[in-house]
């Protein structure tokens, strides 16, 4: 599944379109500890987290994640939105718990 297909699927609300629609999502990755995500997130994963700030965007870029899905109703703050726009990071959000959201994507892959 590509990022564009995930956008078109509408299972998560799009917060920022990073313009990387052709990127193939390899797997879901769930983590809220930024240092752990920096070392363990694999390239082109969909990162599920509740951390909606500019540091999350920075780690996503370093780890080369396909996209970020903010869960549990978490919002991307203003500096995070500016960073996501600047760094071309696709961000979604959902009210669902992390496990259920990641499982939903896993079942689509």
C-alpha atoms as a PDB file:
ATOM      1  CA  UNK A   1       0.000   0.000   0.000  1.00  0.00           C
ATOM      2  CA  UNK A   2       1.313   3.445  -0.869  1.00  0.00           C
ATOM      3  CA  UNK A   3       0.873   6.619   1.151  1.00  0.00           C
ATOM      4  CA  UNK A   4      -1.512   7.878  -1.549  1.00  0.00           C
ATOM      5  CA  UNK A   5      -3.610   4.725  -1.242  1.00  0.00           C
ATOM      6  CA  UNK A   6      -3.764   5.278   2.527  1.00  0.00           C
ATOM      7  CA  UNK A   7      -4.881   8.871   1.944  1.00  0.00           C
ATOM      8  CA  UNK A   8      -7.532   7.720  -0.547  1.00  0.00           C
ATOM      9  CA  UNK A   9      -8.709   4.975   1.835  1.00  0.00           C
ATOM     10  CA  UNK A  10      -9.865   7.612   4.378  1.00  0.00           C
ATOM     11  CA  UNK A  11      -9.419   5.354   7.401  1.00  0.00           C
ATOM     12  CA  UNK A  12      -7.388   8.109   9.087  1.00  0.00           C
ATOM     13  CA  UNK A  13      -7.878  11.866   8.858  1.00  0.00           C
ATOM     14  CA  UNK A  14      -5.192  13.599   6.800  1.00  0.00           C
ATOM     15  CA  UNK A  15      -3.465  16.411   8.717  1.00  0.00           C
ATOM     16  CA  UNK A  16      -0.604  17.180   6.315  1.00  0.00           C
ATOM     17  CA  UNK A  17       0.092  15.811   2.847  1.00  0.00           C
ATOM     18  CA  UNK A  18       3.846  15.512   2.505  1.00  0.00           C
ATOM     19  CA  UNK A  19       3.683  14.838  -1.216  1.00  0.00           C
ATOM     20  CA  UNK A  20       5.242  11.382  -0.922  1.00  0.00           C
ATOM     21  CA  UNK A  21       2.247   9.472  -2.251  1.00  0.00           C
ATOM     22  CA  UNK A  22       4.359   6.953  -4.179  1.00  0.00           C
ATOM     23  CA  UNK A  23       6.144   5.748  -1.032  1.00  0.00           C
ATOM     24  CA  UNK A  24       5.232   2.142  -0.254  1.00  0.00           C
ATOM     25  CA  UNK A  25       4.397   1.592   3.419  1.00  0.00           C
ATOM     26  CA  UNK A  26       6.340  -1.451   4.599  1.00  0.00           C
ATOM     27  CA  UNK A  27       4.770  -2.019   8.034  1.00  0.00           C
ATOM     28  CA  UNK A  28       3.247  -0.289  11.053  1.00  0.00           C
ATOM     29  CA  UNK A  29       5.552   0.814  13.867  1.00  0.00           C
ATOM     30  CA  UNK A  30       4.127   1.843  17.265  1.00  0.00           C
ATOM     31  CA  UNK A  31       6.230   3.804  19.742  1.00  0.00           C
ATOM     32  CA  UNK A  32       6.013   6.936  21.899  1.00  0.00           C
ATOM     33  CA  UNK A  33       9.636   7.131  23.009  1.00  0.00           C
ATOM     34  CA  UNK A  34      11.444   9.330  20.480  1.00  0.00           C
ATOM     35  CA  UNK A  35      14.946   7.983  21.150  1.00  0.00           C
ATOM     36  CA  UNK A  36      13.691   4.413  20.704  1.00  0.00           C
ATOM     37  CA  UNK A  37      11.853   5.338  17.502  1.00  0.00           C
ATOM     38  CA  UNK A  38      15.000   7.009  16.185  1.00  0.00           C
ATOM     39  CA  UNK A  39      16.924   3.753  16.454  1.00  0.00           C
ATOM     40  CA  UNK A  40      14.201   1.173  15.785  1.00  0.00           C
ATOM     41  CA  UNK A  41      11.768   2.605  13.211  1.00  0.00           C
ATOM     42  CA  UNK A  42      12.437   1.104   9.807  1.00  0.00           C
ATOM     43  CA  UNK A  43      12.468   3.060   6.581  1.00  0.00           C
ATOM     44  CA  UNK A  44       9.044   3.476   4.999  1.00  0.00           C
ATOM     45  CA  UNK A  45       7.123   2.357   8.096  1.00  0.00           C
ATOM     46  CA  UNK A  46       3.916   4.035   9.198  1.00  0.00           C
ATOM     47  CA  UNK A  47       4.683   5.388  12.668  1.00  0.00           C
ATOM     48  CA  UNK A  48       1.807   5.258  15.178  1.00  0.00           C
ATOM     49  CA  UNK A  49       2.270   7.580  18.176  1.00  0.00           C
ATOM     50  CA  UNK A  50       0.582  10.109  20.448  1.00  0.00           C
ATOM     51  CA  UNK A  51       3.505  12.540  20.249  1.00  0.00           C
ATOM     52  CA  UNK A  52       2.328  15.417  18.047  1.00  0.00           C
ATOM     53  CA  UNK A  53       5.225  17.838  18.063  1.00  0.00           C
ATOM     54  CA  UNK A  54       8.146  19.009  15.946  1.00  0.00           C
ATOM     55  CA  UNK A  55      10.523  16.489  17.549  1.00  0.00           C
ATOM     56  CA  UNK A  56       8.317  13.682  16.246  1.00  0.00           C
ATOM     57  CA  UNK A  57       8.549  15.159  12.765  1.00  0.00           C
ATOM     58  CA  UNK A  58      12.346  15.406  13.064  1.00  0.00           C
ATOM     59  CA  UNK A  59      12.667  11.772  14.172  1.00  0.00           C
ATOM     60  CA  UNK A  60      10.371  10.692  11.354  1.00  0.00           C
ATOM     61  CA  UNK A  61      12.655  12.401   8.846  1.00  0.00           C
ATOM     62  CA  UNK A  62      15.772  10.847  10.402  1.00  0.00           C
ATOM     63  CA  UNK A  63      14.203   7.383  10.355  1.00  0.00           C
ATOM     64  CA  UNK A  64      12.773   7.904   6.848  1.00  0.00           C
ATOM     65  CA  UNK A  65       9.239   6.924   7.907  1.00  0.00           C
ATOM     66  CA  UNK A  66       6.577   6.843   5.194  1.00  0.00           C
ATOM     67  CA  UNK A  67       4.099   8.721   7.403  1.00  0.00           C
ATOM     68  CA  UNK A  68       2.991   9.418  10.956  1.00  0.00           C
ATOM     69  CA  UNK A  69      -0.407   8.493  12.383  1.00  0.00           C
ATOM     70  CA  UNK A  70      -1.286  10.375  15.567  1.00  0.00           C
ATOM     71  CA  UNK A  71      -3.570   8.225  17.733  1.00  0.00           C
ATOM     72  CA  UNK A  72      -5.844   8.574  20.763  1.00  0.00           C
ATOM     73  CA  UNK A  73      -7.061  11.989  19.524  1.00  0.00           C
ATOM     74  CA  UNK A  74      -3.562  13.502  19.685  1.00  0.00           C
ATOM     75  CA  UNK A  75      -3.115  16.682  17.677  1.00  0.00           C
ATOM     76  CA  UNK A  76      -0.123  18.058  15.816  1.00  0.00           C
ATOM     77  CA  UNK A  77       0.857  21.344  17.477  1.00  0.00           C
ATOM     78  CA  UNK A  78       1.623  24.491  15.440  1.00  0.00           C
ATOM     79  CA  UNK A  79       5.425  24.129  15.435  1.00  0.00           C
ATOM     80  CA  UNK A  80       4.960  20.468  14.481  1.00  0.00           C
ATOM     81  CA  UNK A  81       2.661  21.403  11.605  1.00  0.00           C
ATOM     82  CA  UNK A  82       5.174  23.968  10.360  1.00  0.00           C
ATOM     83  CA  UNK A  83       7.959  21.360  10.537  1.00  0.00           C
ATOM     84  CA  UNK A  84       5.817  18.715   8.785  1.00  0.00           C
ATOM     85  CA  UNK A  85       5.061  21.162   5.983  1.00  0.00           C
ATOM     86  CA  UNK A  86       8.704  22.232   5.704  1.00  0.00           C
ATOM     87  CA  UNK A  87      10.024  18.647   5.761  1.00  0.00           C
ATOM     88  CA  UNK A  88       7.272  17.167   3.516  1.00  0.00           C
ATOM     89  CA  UNK A  89       6.057  14.678   6.131  1.00  0.00           C
ATOM     90  CA  UNK A  90       2.625  13.117   5.688  1.00  0.00           C
ATOM     91  CA  UNK A  91       0.700  13.106   8.969  1.00  0.00           C
ATOM     92  CA  UNK A  92      -2.658  11.537   9.779  1.00  0.00           C
ATOM     93  CA  UNK A  93      -4.709  11.463  12.971  1.00  0.00           C
ATOM     94  CA  UNK A  94      -7.312   9.204  14.530  1.00  0.00           C
ATOM     95  CA  UNK A  95      -9.209   8.887  17.797  1.00  0.00           C
ATOM     96  CA  UNK A  96      -8.465   5.172  17.860  1.00  0.00           C
ATOM     97  CA  UNK A  97      -5.980   3.631  20.317  1.00  0.00           C
ATOM     98  CA  UNK A  98      -2.546   2.918  18.884  1.00  0.00           C
ATOM     99  CA  UNK A  99      -2.947  -0.864  18.762  1.00  0.00           C
ATOM    100  CA  UNK A 100      -6.305  -0.791  16.973  1.00  0.00           C
ATOM    101  CA  UNK A 101      -5.109   1.832  14.474  1.00  0.00           C
ATOM    102  CA  UNK A 102      -1.906  -0.079  13.703  1.00  0.00           C
ATOM    103  CA  UNK A 103      -3.860  -3.329  13.348  1.00  0.00           C
ATOM    104  CA  UNK A 104      -6.235  -1.654  10.916  1.00  0.00           C
ATOM    105  CA  UNK A 105      -3.320  -0.640   8.693  1.00  0.00           C
ATOM    106  CA  UNK A 106      -1.611  -4.025   9.117  1.00  0.00           C
ATOM    107  CA  UNK A 107      -4.756  -5.752   7.823  1.00  0.00           C
ATOM    108  CA  UNK A 108      -4.713  -3.520   4.731  1.00  0.00           C
ATOM    109  CA  UNK A 109      -1.094  -4.319   3.961  1.00  0.00           C
END
